[in-house]
Protein backbone atom coordinates (compact mmCIF):
# COMPACT_ATOMS: atom_id res chain seq x y z
CA UNK A 1 107.00 47.62 100.31
CA UNK A 2 107.41 47.20 96.72
CA UNK A 3 110.52 47.22 95.02
CA UNK A 4 111.96 47.59 91.54
CA UNK A 5 112.63 43.70 91.71
CA UNK A 6 109.15 42.52 92.87
CA UNK A 7 107.74 44.17 89.74
CA UNK A 8 107.95 40.93 87.14
CA UNK A 9 108.86 42.57 83.28
CA UNK A 10 107.35 41.10 80.08
CA UNK A 11 107.52 37.61 78.82
CA UNK A 12 106.57 36.52 82.64
CA UNK A 13 103.38 33.97 82.45
CA UNK A 14 101.80 36.17 85.03
CA UNK A 15 101.49 38.72 82.89
CA UNK A 16 99.32 37.13 80.29
CA UNK A 17 96.91 35.47 82.56
CA UNK A 18 93.24 36.81 82.65
CA UNK A 19 92.73 37.27 86.55
CA UNK A 20 89.73 35.29 88.39
CA UNK A 21 86.66 37.81 90.44
CA UNK A 22 87.73 38.12 94.06
CA UNK A 23 85.27 37.50 96.98
CA UNK A 24 85.00 39.29 99.55
CA UNK A 25 86.06 39.95 102.58
CA UNK A 26 89.52 40.04 101.09
CA UNK A 27 91.72 38.32 103.45
CA UNK A 28 94.70 40.03 105.13
CA UNK A 29 97.51 39.12 102.68
CA UNK A 30 94.80 40.60 100.36
CA UNK A 31 93.84 44.15 101.99
CA UNK A 32 98.00 44.14 102.81
CA UNK A 33 98.81 43.48 98.76
CA UNK A 34 96.50 46.49 97.85
CA UNK A 35 98.20 48.53 100.61
CA UNK A 36 101.56 47.71 99.14
CA UNK A 37 99.98 48.35 95.48
CA UNK A 38 99.34 51.55 96.01
CA UNK A 39 102.51 52.64 97.96
CA UNK A 40 104.26 51.90 95.35
CA UNK A 41 102.73 53.68 93.06
CA UNK A 42 102.73 57.20 95.42
CA UNK A 43 106.17 55.80 96.88
CA UNK A 44 107.67 55.86 93.28
CA UNK A 45 106.34 59.77 92.71
CA UNK A 46 108.36 60.65 95.80
CA UNK A 47 111.70 61.64 94.14
CA UNK A 48 113.81 61.11 97.36
CA UNK A 49 112.11 57.70 97.85
CA UNK A 50 112.57 57.02 94.15
CA UNK A 51 116.45 57.81 94.32
CA UNK A 52 116.59 56.08 98.16
CA UNK A 53 115.23 52.72 96.81
CA UNK A 54 115.67 53.14 92.88
CA UNK A 55 112.26 52.97 91.97
CA UNK A 56 110.80 53.45 88.42
CA UNK A 57 108.01 56.08 88.77
CA UNK A 58 104.67 55.00 87.68
CA UNK A 59 101.35 55.85 87.71
CA UNK A 60 99.51 52.50 87.75
CA UNK A 61 100.22 48.60 89.12
CA UNK A 62 98.12 45.80 88.99
CA UNK A 63 98.64 42.35 91.29
CA UNK A 64 99.60 40.61 88.25
CA UNK A 65 103.34 42.80 87.56
CA UNK A 66 104.06 41.85 91.03
CA UNK A 67 103.46 38.15 89.88
CA UNK A 68 99.93 37.97 91.64
CA UNK A 69 96.87 36.61 90.11
CA UNK A 70 94.22 38.80 91.94
CA UNK A 71 91.73 41.17 90.06
CA UNK A 72 92.87 44.34 91.63
CA UNK A 73 94.85 47.02 90.70
CA UNK A 74 96.01 50.66 92.79
CA UNK A 75 96.10 54.56 90.68
CA UNK A 76 97.78 57.53 91.82
CA UNK A 77 97.86 60.35 89.36
CA UNK A 78 97.00 64.03 89.42
CA UNK A 79 93.77 64.70 86.66
CA UNK A 80 93.83 67.26 84.31
CA UNK A 81 91.90 69.29 86.83
CA UNK A 82 94.71 68.90 89.25
CA UNK A 83 93.15 66.84 91.25
CA UNK A 84 95.14 63.52 93.11
CA UNK A 85 93.22 60.52 91.87
CA UNK A 86 94.51 57.53 94.52
CA UNK A 87 92.25 54.51 95.35
CA UNK A 88 92.78 50.55 94.49
CA UNK A 89 90.19 49.00 93.07
CA UNK A 90 88.88 44.97 93.00
CA UNK A 91 87.07 43.72 90.60
CA UNK A 92 86.42 46.60 88.53
CA UNK A 93 84.54 46.65 84.93
CA UNK A 94 84.07 49.62 82.83
CA UNK A 95 80.05 49.01 82.01
CA UNK A 96 79.93 52.01 79.55
CA UNK A 97 82.54 54.39 76.98
CA UNK A 98 82.45 56.82 74.84
CA UNK A 99 82.87 56.25 70.84
CA UNK A 100 85.85 59.09 70.58
CA UNK A 101 88.70 57.50 71.84
CA UNK A 102 92.66 59.00 72.72
CA UNK A 103 95.75 57.95 73.14
CA UNK A 104 99.30 59.36 74.86
CA UNK A 105 100.86 61.56 72.35
CA UNK A 106 104.17 60.00 73.88
CA UNK A 107 103.18 56.68 74.09
CA UNK A 108 102.43 54.68 76.52
CA UNK A 109 104.83 53.26 79.17
CA UNK A 110 104.84 49.72 81.77
CA UNK A 111 106.57 49.37 84.92
CA UNK A 112 106.63 45.73 83.85
CA UNK A 113 108.05 46.68 80.42
CA UNK A 114 111.70 47.99 80.36
CA UNK A 115 112.60 48.92 76.50
CA UNK A 116 110.24 51.60 75.50
CA UNK A 117 107.89 50.63 72.51
CA UNK A 118 107.28 53.59 70.16
CA UNK A 119 102.81 53.64 69.11
CA UNK A 120 99.71 55.02 69.90
CA UNK A 121 98.00 53.48 72.30
CA UNK A 122 94.11 53.67 71.19
CA UNK A 123 91.62 54.24 74.62
CA UNK A 124 88.56 55.27 74.81
CA UNK A 125 88.49 59.10 75.94
CA UNK A 126 85.69 58.63 78.53
CA UNK A 127 84.54 55.81 80.97
CA UNK A 128 82.23 54.42 83.52
CA UNK A 129 83.84 51.93 85.76
CA UNK A 130 82.79 50.01 88.41
CA UNK A 131 84.10 47.70 90.96
CA UNK A 132 84.96 47.93 94.72
CA UNK A 133 87.55 49.50 97.54
CA UNK A 134 89.54 46.65 99.15
CA UNK A 135 86.98 47.49 101.99
CA UNK A 136 84.29 45.83 100.17
CA UNK A 137 82.55 49.14 99.28
CA UNK A 138 81.79 49.92 95.26
CA UNK A 139 81.88 52.35 93.90
CA UNK A 140 81.11 53.84 90.36
CA UNK A 141 83.33 56.60 88.57
CA UNK A 142 83.00 58.54 85.38
CA UNK A 143 86.75 58.65 84.17
CA UNK A 144 88.19 60.85 81.52
CA UNK A 145 91.62 61.96 80.31
CA UNK A 146 94.80 60.47 81.31
CA UNK A 147 92.20 58.62 84.42
CA UNK A 148 90.36 56.48 81.86
CA UNK A 149 93.72 55.53 80.50
CA UNK A 150 95.19 54.38 83.38
CA UNK A 151 92.37 52.46 84.48
CA UNK A 152 92.25 50.79 81.02
CA UNK A 153 95.81 49.95 80.89
CA UNK A 154 95.48 48.35 84.52
CA UNK A 155 92.60 47.16 83.68
CA UNK A 156 94.45 45.21 80.64
CA UNK A 157 96.60 43.66 82.66
CA UNK A 158 94.14 41.24 85.14
CA UNK A 159 93.13 40.31 81.69
CA UNK A 160 96.36 39.32 80.38
CA UNK A 161 96.57 42.54 77.63
CA UNK A 162 99.60 44.29 77.49
CA UNK A 163 99.77 47.90 76.61
CA UNK A 164 101.48 47.44 73.20
CA UNK A 165 98.75 44.79 72.34
CA UNK A 166 97.21 47.68 71.00
CA UNK A 167 99.21 49.45 69.03
CA UNK A 168 99.41 49.11 65.38
CA UNK A 169 101.73 46.56 64.11
CA UNK A 170 102.35 48.04 60.65
CA UNK A 171 102.23 51.60 61.25
CA UNK A 172 102.80 52.41 65.08
CA UNK A 173 102.01 56.42 64.27
CA UNK A 174 99.33 55.72 62.10
CA UNK A 175 96.14 58.31 62.59
CA UNK A 176 93.30 56.85 65.20
CA UNK A 177 89.91 57.99 63.91
CA UNK A 178 87.23 59.42 65.96
CA UNK A 179 90.35 60.08 68.37
CA UNK A 180 91.31 63.23 70.81
CA UNK A 181 95.09 62.97 71.60
CA UNK A 182 96.15 63.51 75.17
CA UNK A 183 99.53 65.72 75.65
CA UNK A 184 100.88 64.78 78.94
CA UNK A 185 103.23 68.05 78.89
């Protein structure tokens, strides 16, 4: 089980490395990592487990965040229609995206970043993504809203990019052209 002490923090060199494509079939070690990533985000949304294990709640976790240079991440969240979206993406890619942008009005956070970094993080409002599930089955997903935002956040981790790299340094709350704000409340 992944705990907070297993998640590396901002400044660790692995967080700035671009991961390489993984090959299938995944090794038993990589399959275990995929399950552990998904278990963490699920567990981190269970109040009893959060309290028992001192977990920080999250909706996504990428392999580099546990110091594994693997091209995979897990997402577990509820979309705008109240559907649970829960999967591990291996070798994910964005193959198309909207012109329209979005951003979370309260800003983004990250399990690898302990402090609050204020500012808008521009993301595509809608994306079409491809990749593979850990068993090697390919997927193609059309994502929007919070799920699209989370997918882009985690994909950035696989490319050595942190969410705050996208924030306007001179004006963190500058209006983002062609965007619709996303309010998580």
